[in-house]
Amino acid sequence: MNPVISRIRIYPIKSLDPVELQEAEVGVHSLRFDREFAMLTRDGRFMNGKKSGRVNELKATYDLPNYEVSFSDRSGASARSFHLLNEKHEAENYLSDFFGEPISLVHNKQGKLMDIPAASSVTIVSEASLQSLQEEFSDRTLEDLRLRFRATIELAGVDPYWEENRK
């Protein structure tokens, strides 16, 4: 086995689109910018695909060094851009209108917005594992599976599920 990193992806806003990188900087408990922001509902829960299918209809593109995000509906509506720190209230209004319920945008640079912050930060999956799953779920594309599992590092050069046997 010769594991090599084949893909690095971060998710600046938890549950939304990824950014693919050639290299990444390690942050406090995660890669820099990964899940640094999250959308919370009124009851304090994460807005994600389990809570609302609308998450999959929202497109997000980023200018990370400048903390800017552009949101648009995947149906082709015009994009609205916001500075994630200086225009937080305006971004929250946009997201609240989009989801039809109050949304708060929270910010945390210490990796605390991961699903299990103390146990998971950088997540690793092999291409072979995703390809094996795709064979089982033939109605899903490889990209569908990448978005479902949201791993930050993808490896090539190893057998399926190789990553399961590493400590």
N, C-alpha and C. Protein backbone atom coordinates (compact mmCIF):
# COMPACT_ATOMS: atom_id res chain seq x y z
N MET A 1 0.84 -1.19 0.00
CA MET A 1 0.00 0.00 0.00
C MET A 1 0.88 1.24 0.00
N ASN A 2 0.46 2.19 -0.80
CA ASN A 2 1.18 3.46 -0.87
C ASN A 2 0.17 4.59 -0.79
N PRO A 3 -0.32 4.93 0.42
CA PRO A 3 -1.34 5.97 0.53
C PRO A 3 -0.80 7.35 0.15
N VAL A 4 -1.56 8.03 -0.69
CA VAL A 4 -1.25 9.42 -1.05
C VAL A 4 -2.54 10.23 -0.96
N ILE A 5 -2.40 11.47 -0.55
CA ILE A 5 -3.56 12.35 -0.49
C ILE A 5 -3.95 12.72 -1.92
N SER A 6 -5.18 12.41 -2.27
CA SER A 6 -5.66 12.71 -3.62
C SER A 6 -6.65 13.88 -3.65
N ARG A 7 -7.21 14.21 -2.49
CA ARG A 7 -8.21 15.28 -2.45
C ARG A 7 -8.26 15.86 -1.04
N ILE A 8 -8.31 17.17 -0.96
CA ILE A 8 -8.52 17.87 0.32
C ILE A 8 -9.73 18.77 0.12
N ARG A 9 -10.70 18.58 1.00
CA ARG A 9 -11.91 19.40 0.95
C ARG A 9 -12.22 19.93 2.34
N ILE A 10 -12.60 21.18 2.38
CA ILE A 10 -13.09 21.76 3.63
C ILE A 10 -14.50 22.29 3.38
N TYR A 11 -15.23 22.45 4.44
CA TYR A 11 -16.62 22.90 4.40
C TYR A 11 -16.73 24.13 5.29
N PRO A 12 -16.46 25.33 4.75
CA PRO A 12 -16.42 26.54 5.57
C PRO A 12 -17.68 26.77 6.39
N ILE A 13 -18.84 26.49 5.77
CA ILE A 13 -20.11 26.57 6.52
C ILE A 13 -20.64 25.14 6.59
N LYS A 14 -20.71 24.64 7.80
CA LYS A 14 -21.17 23.27 8.02
C LYS A 14 -22.46 23.01 7.24
N SER A 15 -22.50 21.89 6.54
CA SER A 15 -23.65 21.40 5.77
C SER A 15 -23.75 22.00 4.37
N LEU A 16 -22.94 23.00 4.06
CA LEU A 16 -23.00 23.60 2.72
C LEU A 16 -21.84 23.12 1.86
N ASP A 17 -21.69 23.72 0.69
CA ASP A 17 -20.72 23.27 -0.30
C ASP A 17 -19.29 23.29 0.21
N PRO A 18 -18.49 22.36 -0.35
CA PRO A 18 -17.07 22.32 0.01
C PRO A 18 -16.23 23.24 -0.86
N VAL A 19 -15.00 23.41 -0.42
CA VAL A 19 -13.95 24.06 -1.20
C VAL A 19 -12.86 23.02 -1.35
N GLU A 20 -12.45 22.79 -2.58
CA GLU A 20 -11.37 21.83 -2.82
C GLU A 20 -10.04 22.58 -2.82
N LEU A 21 -9.07 22.05 -2.08
CA LEU A 21 -7.78 22.71 -1.92
C LEU A 21 -6.65 21.82 -2.43
N GLN A 22 -5.55 22.44 -2.79
CA GLN A 22 -4.33 21.72 -3.15
C GLN A 22 -3.48 21.45 -1.91
N GLU A 23 -3.62 22.32 -0.94
CA GLU A 23 -2.92 22.17 0.34
C GLU A 23 -3.78 22.83 1.39
N ALA A 24 -3.56 22.43 2.64
CA ALA A 24 -4.36 22.98 3.74
C ALA A 24 -3.48 23.30 4.91
N GLU A 25 -3.92 24.26 5.68
CA GLU A 25 -3.23 24.65 6.90
C GLU A 25 -3.98 24.02 8.08
N VAL A 26 -3.24 23.48 9.01
CA VAL A 26 -3.85 22.87 10.18
C VAL A 26 -4.26 23.97 11.14
N GLY A 27 -5.51 23.91 11.60
CA GLY A 27 -6.01 24.86 12.58
C GLY A 27 -5.89 24.29 13.98
N VAL A 28 -6.76 24.73 14.89
CA VAL A 28 -6.69 24.29 16.28
C VAL A 28 -7.12 22.82 16.42
N HIS A 29 -8.31 22.48 15.96
CA HIS A 29 -8.82 21.11 16.02
C HIS A 29 -9.31 20.62 14.67
N SER A 30 -8.96 21.33 13.62
CA SER A 30 -9.42 20.96 12.29
C SER A 30 -8.53 21.67 11.28
N LEU A 31 -8.81 21.46 10.02
CA LEU A 31 -8.11 22.22 8.99
C LEU A 31 -8.62 23.65 9.03
N ARG A 32 -7.76 24.60 8.72
CA ARG A 32 -8.16 26.01 8.74
C ARG A 32 -9.36 26.23 7.83
N PHE A 33 -10.33 26.95 8.30
CA PHE A 33 -11.59 27.31 7.65
C PHE A 33 -12.61 26.16 7.63
N ASP A 34 -12.24 24.93 8.00
CA ASP A 34 -13.19 23.82 7.91
C ASP A 34 -14.23 23.94 9.02
N ARG A 35 -15.48 24.00 8.61
CA ARG A 35 -16.62 24.09 9.52
C ARG A 35 -16.41 25.18 10.57
N GLU A 36 -15.89 26.29 10.10
CA GLU A 36 -15.67 27.44 10.98
C GLU A 36 -16.98 28.15 11.28
N PHE A 37 -17.97 27.95 10.41
CA PHE A 37 -19.29 28.55 10.59
C PHE A 37 -20.33 27.43 10.54
N ALA A 38 -21.44 27.66 11.21
CA ALA A 38 -22.56 26.73 11.16
C ALA A 38 -23.85 27.53 11.24
N MET A 39 -24.90 26.96 10.66
CA MET A 39 -26.23 27.54 10.71
C MET A 39 -27.00 26.84 11.82
N LEU A 40 -27.55 27.62 12.75
CA LEU A 40 -28.33 27.05 13.85
C LEU A 40 -29.78 27.47 13.72
N THR A 41 -30.68 26.55 14.04
CA THR A 41 -32.10 26.84 14.07
C THR A 41 -32.44 27.47 15.42
N ARG A 42 -33.66 27.90 15.55
CA ARG A 42 -34.10 28.56 16.79
C ARG A 42 -33.87 27.70 18.02
N ASP A 43 -34.01 26.37 17.87
CA ASP A 43 -33.83 25.47 19.02
C ASP A 43 -32.36 25.10 19.25
N GLY A 44 -31.43 25.75 18.53
CA GLY A 44 -30.01 25.54 18.76
C GLY A 44 -29.42 24.34 18.04
N ARG A 45 -30.19 23.73 17.15
CA ARG A 45 -29.69 22.57 16.40
C ARG A 45 -29.10 23.03 15.07
N PHE A 46 -28.16 22.23 14.55
CA PHE A 46 -27.57 22.54 13.26
C PHE A 46 -28.61 22.43 12.16
N MET A 47 -28.61 23.41 11.25
CA MET A 47 -29.41 23.28 10.03
C MET A 47 -28.56 22.43 9.09
N ASN A 48 -29.08 21.26 8.74
CA ASN A 48 -28.36 20.37 7.84
C ASN A 48 -29.35 19.61 6.97
N GLY A 49 -28.83 18.71 6.15
CA GLY A 49 -29.67 17.96 5.24
C GLY A 49 -30.65 17.04 5.93
N LYS A 50 -30.35 16.61 7.15
CA LYS A 50 -31.28 15.77 7.91
C LYS A 50 -32.48 16.59 8.37
N LYS A 51 -32.23 17.87 8.66
CA LYS A 51 -33.30 18.75 9.15
C LYS A 51 -34.14 19.30 8.00
N SER A 52 -33.48 19.64 6.88
CA SER A 52 -34.20 20.23 5.75
C SER A 52 -33.51 19.91 4.43
N GLY A 53 -34.27 19.39 3.50
CA GLY A 53 -33.76 19.14 2.16
C GLY A 53 -33.37 20.42 1.44
N ARG A 54 -33.84 21.54 1.95
CA ARG A 54 -33.49 22.83 1.33
C ARG A 54 -31.99 23.09 1.38
N VAL A 55 -31.29 22.46 2.33
CA VAL A 55 -29.83 22.63 2.41
C VAL A 55 -29.20 22.27 1.06
N ASN A 56 -29.72 21.23 0.42
CA ASN A 56 -29.16 20.77 -0.85
C ASN A 56 -29.51 21.69 -2.02
N GLU A 57 -30.42 22.61 -1.81
CA GLU A 57 -30.82 23.55 -2.86
C GLU A 57 -30.05 24.86 -2.78
N LEU A 58 -29.28 25.04 -1.72
CA LEU A 58 -28.52 26.27 -1.51
C LEU A 58 -27.08 26.07 -1.97
N LYS A 59 -26.65 26.91 -2.87
CA LYS A 59 -25.27 26.86 -3.36
C LYS A 59 -24.47 27.93 -2.63
N ALA A 60 -23.28 27.55 -2.18
CA ALA A 60 -22.38 28.49 -1.50
C ALA A 60 -21.02 28.44 -2.17
N THR A 61 -20.49 29.61 -2.51
CA THR A 61 -19.12 29.72 -2.99
C THR A 61 -18.40 30.71 -2.08
N TYR A 62 -17.09 30.54 -1.98
CA TYR A 62 -16.36 31.27 -0.95
C TYR A 62 -15.14 31.99 -1.48
N ASP A 63 -14.82 33.09 -0.82
CA ASP A 63 -13.53 33.76 -0.92
C ASP A 63 -13.00 33.71 0.51
N LEU A 64 -12.31 32.63 0.83
CA LEU A 64 -11.94 32.36 2.22
C LEU A 64 -11.02 33.39 2.84
N PRO A 65 -9.94 33.80 2.18
CA PRO A 65 -9.07 34.77 2.84
C PRO A 65 -9.78 36.07 3.22
N ASN A 66 -10.82 36.41 2.47
CA ASN A 66 -11.58 37.64 2.74
C ASN A 66 -12.87 37.39 3.51
N TYR A 67 -13.10 36.14 3.95
CA TYR A 67 -14.31 35.78 4.70
C TYR A 67 -15.59 36.18 3.98
N GLU A 68 -15.65 35.94 2.69
CA GLU A 68 -16.84 36.26 1.92
C GLU A 68 -17.49 34.98 1.41
N VAL A 69 -18.81 34.99 1.37
CA VAL A 69 -19.59 33.88 0.84
C VAL A 69 -20.61 34.45 -0.13
N SER A 70 -20.90 33.69 -1.18
CA SER A 70 -21.99 34.02 -2.10
C SER A 70 -22.98 32.87 -2.04
N PHE A 71 -24.25 33.20 -1.79
CA PHE A 71 -25.32 32.22 -1.75
C PHE A 71 -26.19 32.39 -2.99
N SER A 72 -26.65 31.27 -3.51
CA SER A 72 -27.67 31.31 -4.56
C SER A 72 -28.46 30.00 -4.50
N ASP A 73 -29.63 30.06 -5.05
CA ASP A 73 -30.47 28.88 -5.18
C ASP A 73 -29.93 28.09 -6.37
N ARG A 74 -29.81 26.78 -6.26
CA ARG A 74 -29.26 25.97 -7.35
C ARG A 74 -30.10 26.04 -8.62
N SER A 75 -31.30 26.56 -8.51
CA SER A 75 -32.16 26.68 -9.69
C SER A 75 -31.69 27.78 -10.64
N GLY A 76 -30.71 28.56 -10.20
CA GLY A 76 -30.16 29.58 -11.07
C GLY A 76 -30.44 31.01 -10.65
N ALA A 77 -31.01 31.21 -9.50
CA ALA A 77 -31.27 32.57 -9.02
C ALA A 77 -29.96 33.32 -8.86
N SER A 78 -30.03 34.63 -8.93
CA SER A 78 -28.82 35.43 -8.80
C SER A 78 -28.21 35.28 -7.40
N ALA A 79 -26.89 35.38 -7.35
CA ALA A 79 -26.18 35.19 -6.10
C ALA A 79 -26.18 36.47 -5.26
N ARG A 80 -26.16 36.27 -3.94
CA ARG A 80 -26.01 37.38 -2.98
C ARG A 80 -24.74 37.11 -2.20
N SER A 81 -23.91 38.10 -2.08
CA SER A 81 -22.63 37.94 -1.38
C SER A 81 -22.65 38.66 -0.04
N PHE A 82 -21.94 38.07 0.92
CA PHE A 82 -21.88 38.62 2.27
C PHE A 82 -20.49 38.43 2.84
N HIS A 83 -20.06 39.37 3.65
CA HIS A 83 -18.87 39.19 4.46
C HIS A 83 -19.33 38.44 5.71
N LEU A 84 -18.74 37.29 5.96
CA LEU A 84 -19.23 36.42 7.03
C LEU A 84 -19.10 37.02 8.43
N LEU A 85 -18.22 37.97 8.60
CA LEU A 85 -18.07 38.59 9.91
C LEU A 85 -18.77 39.95 9.97
N ASN A 86 -18.53 40.78 8.99
CA ASN A 86 -19.07 42.15 9.02
C ASN A 86 -20.53 42.25 8.59
N GLU A 87 -21.02 41.27 7.84
CA GLU A 87 -22.41 41.29 7.37
C GLU A 87 -23.16 40.04 7.84
N LYS A 88 -22.83 39.61 9.04
CA LYS A 88 -23.43 38.42 9.62
C LYS A 88 -24.95 38.53 9.69
N HIS A 89 -25.44 39.68 10.16
CA HIS A 89 -26.89 39.86 10.30
C HIS A 89 -27.59 39.76 8.94
N GLU A 90 -27.02 40.37 7.90
CA GLU A 90 -27.60 40.30 6.56
C GLU A 90 -27.59 38.87 6.03
N ALA A 91 -26.50 38.13 6.29
CA ALA A 91 -26.41 36.73 5.87
C ALA A 91 -27.46 35.90 6.60
N GLU A 92 -27.65 36.16 7.89
CA GLU A 92 -28.67 35.44 8.66
C GLU A 92 -30.07 35.71 8.11
N ASN A 93 -30.34 36.95 7.73
CA ASN A 93 -31.64 37.28 7.14
C ASN A 93 -31.85 36.52 5.83
N TYR A 94 -30.80 36.48 5.00
CA TYR A 94 -30.90 35.73 3.74
C TYR A 94 -31.20 34.26 4.02
N LEU A 95 -30.43 33.66 4.94
CA LEU A 95 -30.62 32.24 5.26
C LEU A 95 -31.99 31.98 5.88
N SER A 96 -32.45 32.88 6.74
CA SER A 96 -33.78 32.73 7.35
C SER A 96 -34.86 32.76 6.29
N ASP A 97 -34.75 33.68 5.34
CA ASP A 97 -35.72 33.73 4.24
C ASP A 97 -35.65 32.46 3.40
N PHE A 98 -34.44 32.01 3.12
CA PHE A 98 -34.26 30.82 2.28
C PHE A 98 -34.87 29.59 2.93
N PHE A 99 -34.61 29.39 4.22
CA PHE A 99 -35.10 28.19 4.91
C PHE A 99 -36.50 28.35 5.50
N GLY A 100 -37.01 29.57 5.54
CA GLY A 100 -38.35 29.78 6.06
C GLY A 100 -38.44 29.66 7.57
N GLU A 101 -37.33 29.84 8.24
CA GLU A 101 -37.31 29.83 9.71
C GLU A 101 -36.07 30.61 10.16
N PRO A 102 -36.09 31.10 11.39
CA PRO A 102 -34.94 31.89 11.87
C PRO A 102 -33.66 31.05 11.90
N ILE A 103 -32.61 31.62 11.33
CA ILE A 103 -31.30 30.97 11.29
C ILE A 103 -30.27 31.91 11.90
N SER A 104 -29.45 31.37 12.78
CA SER A 104 -28.31 32.11 13.34
C SER A 104 -27.05 31.52 12.72
N LEU A 105 -26.13 32.36 12.37
CA LEU A 105 -24.84 31.94 11.84
C LEU A 105 -23.82 32.06 12.96
N VAL A 106 -23.27 30.92 13.39
CA VAL A 106 -22.29 30.94 14.47
C VAL A 106 -20.90 30.74 13.91
N HIS A 107 -19.91 31.26 14.61
CA HIS A 107 -18.52 31.25 14.16
C HIS A 107 -17.65 30.68 15.27
N ASN A 108 -16.78 29.72 14.92
CA ASN A 108 -15.86 29.17 15.89
C ASN A 108 -14.62 28.64 15.17
N LYS A 109 -13.47 29.18 15.50
CA LYS A 109 -12.21 28.78 14.85
C LYS A 109 -11.52 27.60 15.54
N GLN A 110 -12.08 27.10 16.63
CA GLN A 110 -11.43 26.04 17.39
C GLN A 110 -11.94 24.64 17.06
N GLY A 111 -12.64 24.46 15.94
CA GLY A 111 -13.11 23.14 15.57
C GLY A 111 -14.30 22.65 16.38
N LYS A 112 -14.98 23.54 17.05
CA LYS A 112 -16.09 23.16 17.93
C LYS A 112 -17.40 22.93 17.17
N LEU A 113 -17.42 23.15 15.87
CA LEU A 113 -18.65 23.00 15.11
C LEU A 113 -18.71 21.67 14.36
N MET A 114 -17.78 20.78 14.66
CA MET A 114 -17.81 19.43 14.11
C MET A 114 -18.93 18.67 14.82
N ASP A 115 -19.36 17.55 14.26
CA ASP A 115 -20.41 16.76 14.91
C ASP A 115 -19.99 16.26 16.29
N ILE A 116 -18.75 15.79 16.39
CA ILE A 116 -18.22 15.33 17.67
C ILE A 116 -16.88 16.03 17.84
N PRO A 117 -16.88 17.27 18.32
CA PRO A 117 -15.66 18.10 18.31
C PRO A 117 -14.44 17.48 18.96
N ALA A 118 -14.61 16.78 20.07
CA ALA A 118 -13.44 16.23 20.77
C ALA A 118 -12.87 15.01 20.05
N ALA A 119 -13.70 14.34 19.26
CA ALA A 119 -13.26 13.08 18.64
C ALA A 119 -13.00 13.19 17.15
N SER A 120 -13.58 14.17 16.51
CA SER A 120 -13.42 14.23 15.05
C SER A 120 -13.04 15.63 14.62
N SER A 121 -12.00 15.67 13.86
CA SER A 121 -11.60 16.96 13.29
C SER A 121 -11.31 16.73 11.82
N VAL A 122 -10.15 16.21 11.52
CA VAL A 122 -9.84 15.85 10.14
C VAL A 122 -10.38 14.44 9.91
N THR A 123 -11.17 14.27 8.88
CA THR A 123 -11.72 12.96 8.56
C THR A 123 -11.08 12.45 7.29
N ILE A 124 -10.81 11.15 7.26
CA ILE A 124 -10.09 10.54 6.15
C ILE A 124 -10.92 9.40 5.59
N VAL A 125 -10.98 9.33 4.27
CA VAL A 125 -11.63 8.23 3.56
C VAL A 125 -10.79 7.92 2.33
N SER A 126 -10.82 6.68 1.90
CA SER A 126 -10.09 6.33 0.68
C SER A 126 -11.03 6.38 -0.52
N GLU A 127 -10.46 6.71 -1.66
CA GLU A 127 -11.24 6.67 -2.91
C GLU A 127 -11.81 5.27 -3.10
N ALA A 128 -11.00 4.25 -2.77
CA ALA A 128 -11.45 2.87 -2.95
C ALA A 128 -12.67 2.56 -2.10
N SER A 129 -12.74 3.10 -0.90
CA SER A 129 -13.92 2.89 -0.05
C SER A 129 -15.15 3.52 -0.68
N LEU A 130 -15.00 4.75 -1.17
CA LEU A 130 -16.13 5.43 -1.82
C LEU A 130 -16.56 4.68 -3.08
N GLN A 131 -15.61 4.18 -3.84
CA GLN A 131 -15.95 3.42 -5.05
C GLN A 131 -16.65 2.12 -4.70
N SER A 132 -16.23 1.48 -3.61
CA SER A 132 -16.89 0.26 -3.16
C SER A 132 -18.34 0.55 -2.76
N LEU A 133 -18.53 1.65 -2.04
CA LEU A 133 -19.90 2.03 -1.66
C LEU A 133 -20.74 2.36 -2.89
N GLN A 134 -20.13 2.98 -3.87
CA GLN A 134 -20.87 3.33 -5.09
C GLN A 134 -21.37 2.07 -5.80
N GLU A 135 -20.60 1.01 -5.74
CA GLU A 135 -21.04 -0.26 -6.34
C GLU A 135 -22.29 -0.77 -5.64
N GLU A 136 -22.33 -0.60 -4.31
CA GLU A 136 -23.49 -1.05 -3.54
C GLU A 136 -24.70 -0.14 -3.73
N PHE A 137 -24.44 1.16 -3.89
CA PHE A 137 -25.51 2.14 -4.07
C PHE A 137 -25.38 2.74 -5.46
N SER A 138 -25.71 1.95 -6.46
CA SER A 138 -25.48 2.35 -7.86
C SER A 138 -26.30 3.56 -8.29
N ASP A 139 -27.31 3.93 -7.50
CA ASP A 139 -28.08 5.12 -7.84
C ASP A 139 -27.38 6.40 -7.40
N ARG A 140 -26.25 6.28 -6.72
CA ARG A 140 -25.48 7.43 -6.24
C ARG A 140 -24.20 7.59 -7.04
N THR A 141 -23.86 8.84 -7.30
CA THR A 141 -22.58 9.10 -7.96
C THR A 141 -21.48 9.16 -6.90
N LEU A 142 -20.26 9.11 -7.35
CA LEU A 142 -19.13 9.25 -6.43
C LEU A 142 -19.20 10.59 -5.71
N GLU A 143 -19.58 11.63 -6.44
CA GLU A 143 -19.70 12.96 -5.83
C GLU A 143 -20.82 12.99 -4.78
N ASP A 144 -21.93 12.29 -5.04
CA ASP A 144 -23.00 12.18 -4.03
C ASP A 144 -22.44 11.61 -2.73
N LEU A 145 -21.63 10.56 -2.86
CA LEU A 145 -21.06 9.93 -1.66
C LEU A 145 -20.06 10.84 -0.97
N ARG A 146 -19.28 11.57 -1.74
CA ARG A 146 -18.35 12.53 -1.13
C ARG A 146 -19.12 13.57 -0.31
N LEU A 147 -20.21 14.07 -0.87
CA LEU A 147 -21.00 15.07 -0.16
C LEU A 147 -21.71 14.48 1.05
N ARG A 148 -22.07 13.22 0.97
CA ARG A 148 -22.75 12.57 2.09
C ARG A 148 -21.79 12.37 3.27
N PHE A 149 -20.57 11.92 2.99
CA PHE A 149 -19.63 11.63 4.07
C PHE A 149 -18.78 12.83 4.47
N ARG A 150 -18.60 13.79 3.58
CA ARG A 150 -17.92 15.05 3.89
C ARG A 150 -16.56 14.89 4.55
N ALA A 151 -15.77 13.94 4.05
CA ALA A 151 -14.41 13.76 4.56
C ALA A 151 -13.55 14.93 4.12
N THR A 152 -12.58 15.27 4.94
CA THR A 152 -11.69 16.38 4.57
C THR A 152 -10.50 15.89 3.76
N ILE A 153 -10.07 14.65 3.98
CA ILE A 153 -8.92 14.13 3.23
C ILE A 153 -9.32 12.81 2.58
N GLU A 154 -9.02 12.71 1.28
CA GLU A 154 -9.30 11.50 0.53
C GLU A 154 -7.96 10.93 0.08
N LEU A 155 -7.82 9.61 0.22
CA LEU A 155 -6.58 8.94 -0.11
C LEU A 155 -6.71 8.05 -1.33
N ALA A 156 -5.66 7.98 -2.12
CA ALA A 156 -5.55 7.02 -3.23
C ALA A 156 -4.43 6.05 -2.87
N GLY A 157 -4.35 4.96 -3.61
CA GLY A 157 -3.25 4.01 -3.43
C GLY A 157 -3.45 3.00 -2.33
N VAL A 158 -4.68 2.85 -1.85
CA VAL A 158 -4.96 1.87 -0.79
C VAL A 158 -6.22 1.08 -1.15
N ASP A 159 -6.39 -0.06 -0.49
CA ASP A 159 -7.56 -0.91 -0.70
C ASP A 159 -8.80 -0.29 -0.05
N PRO A 160 -9.98 -0.75 -0.47
CA PRO A 160 -11.21 -0.27 0.19
C PRO A 160 -11.15 -0.52 1.71
N TYR A 161 -11.55 0.46 2.45
CA TYR A 161 -11.67 0.42 3.91
C TYR A 161 -10.33 0.30 4.63
N TRP A 162 -9.26 0.57 3.93
CA TRP A 162 -7.91 0.61 4.52
C TRP A 162 -7.91 1.55 5.73
N GLU A 163 -8.59 2.67 5.63
CA GLU A 163 -8.59 3.67 6.70
C GLU A 163 -9.25 3.18 7.98
N GLU A 164 -10.07 2.15 7.88
CA GLU A 164 -10.75 1.59 9.06
C GLU A 164 -9.78 0.88 10.00
N ASN A 165 -8.65 0.46 9.48
CA ASN A 165 -7.70 -0.32 10.28
C ASN A 165 -6.53 0.50 10.80
N ARG A 166 -6.63 1.81 10.72
CA ARG A 166 -5.56 2.70 11.20
C ARG A 166 -5.97 3.31 12.51
N LYS A 167 -5.01 3.55 13.36
CA LYS A 167 -5.29 4.18 14.65
C LYS A 167 -4.63 5.51 14.71
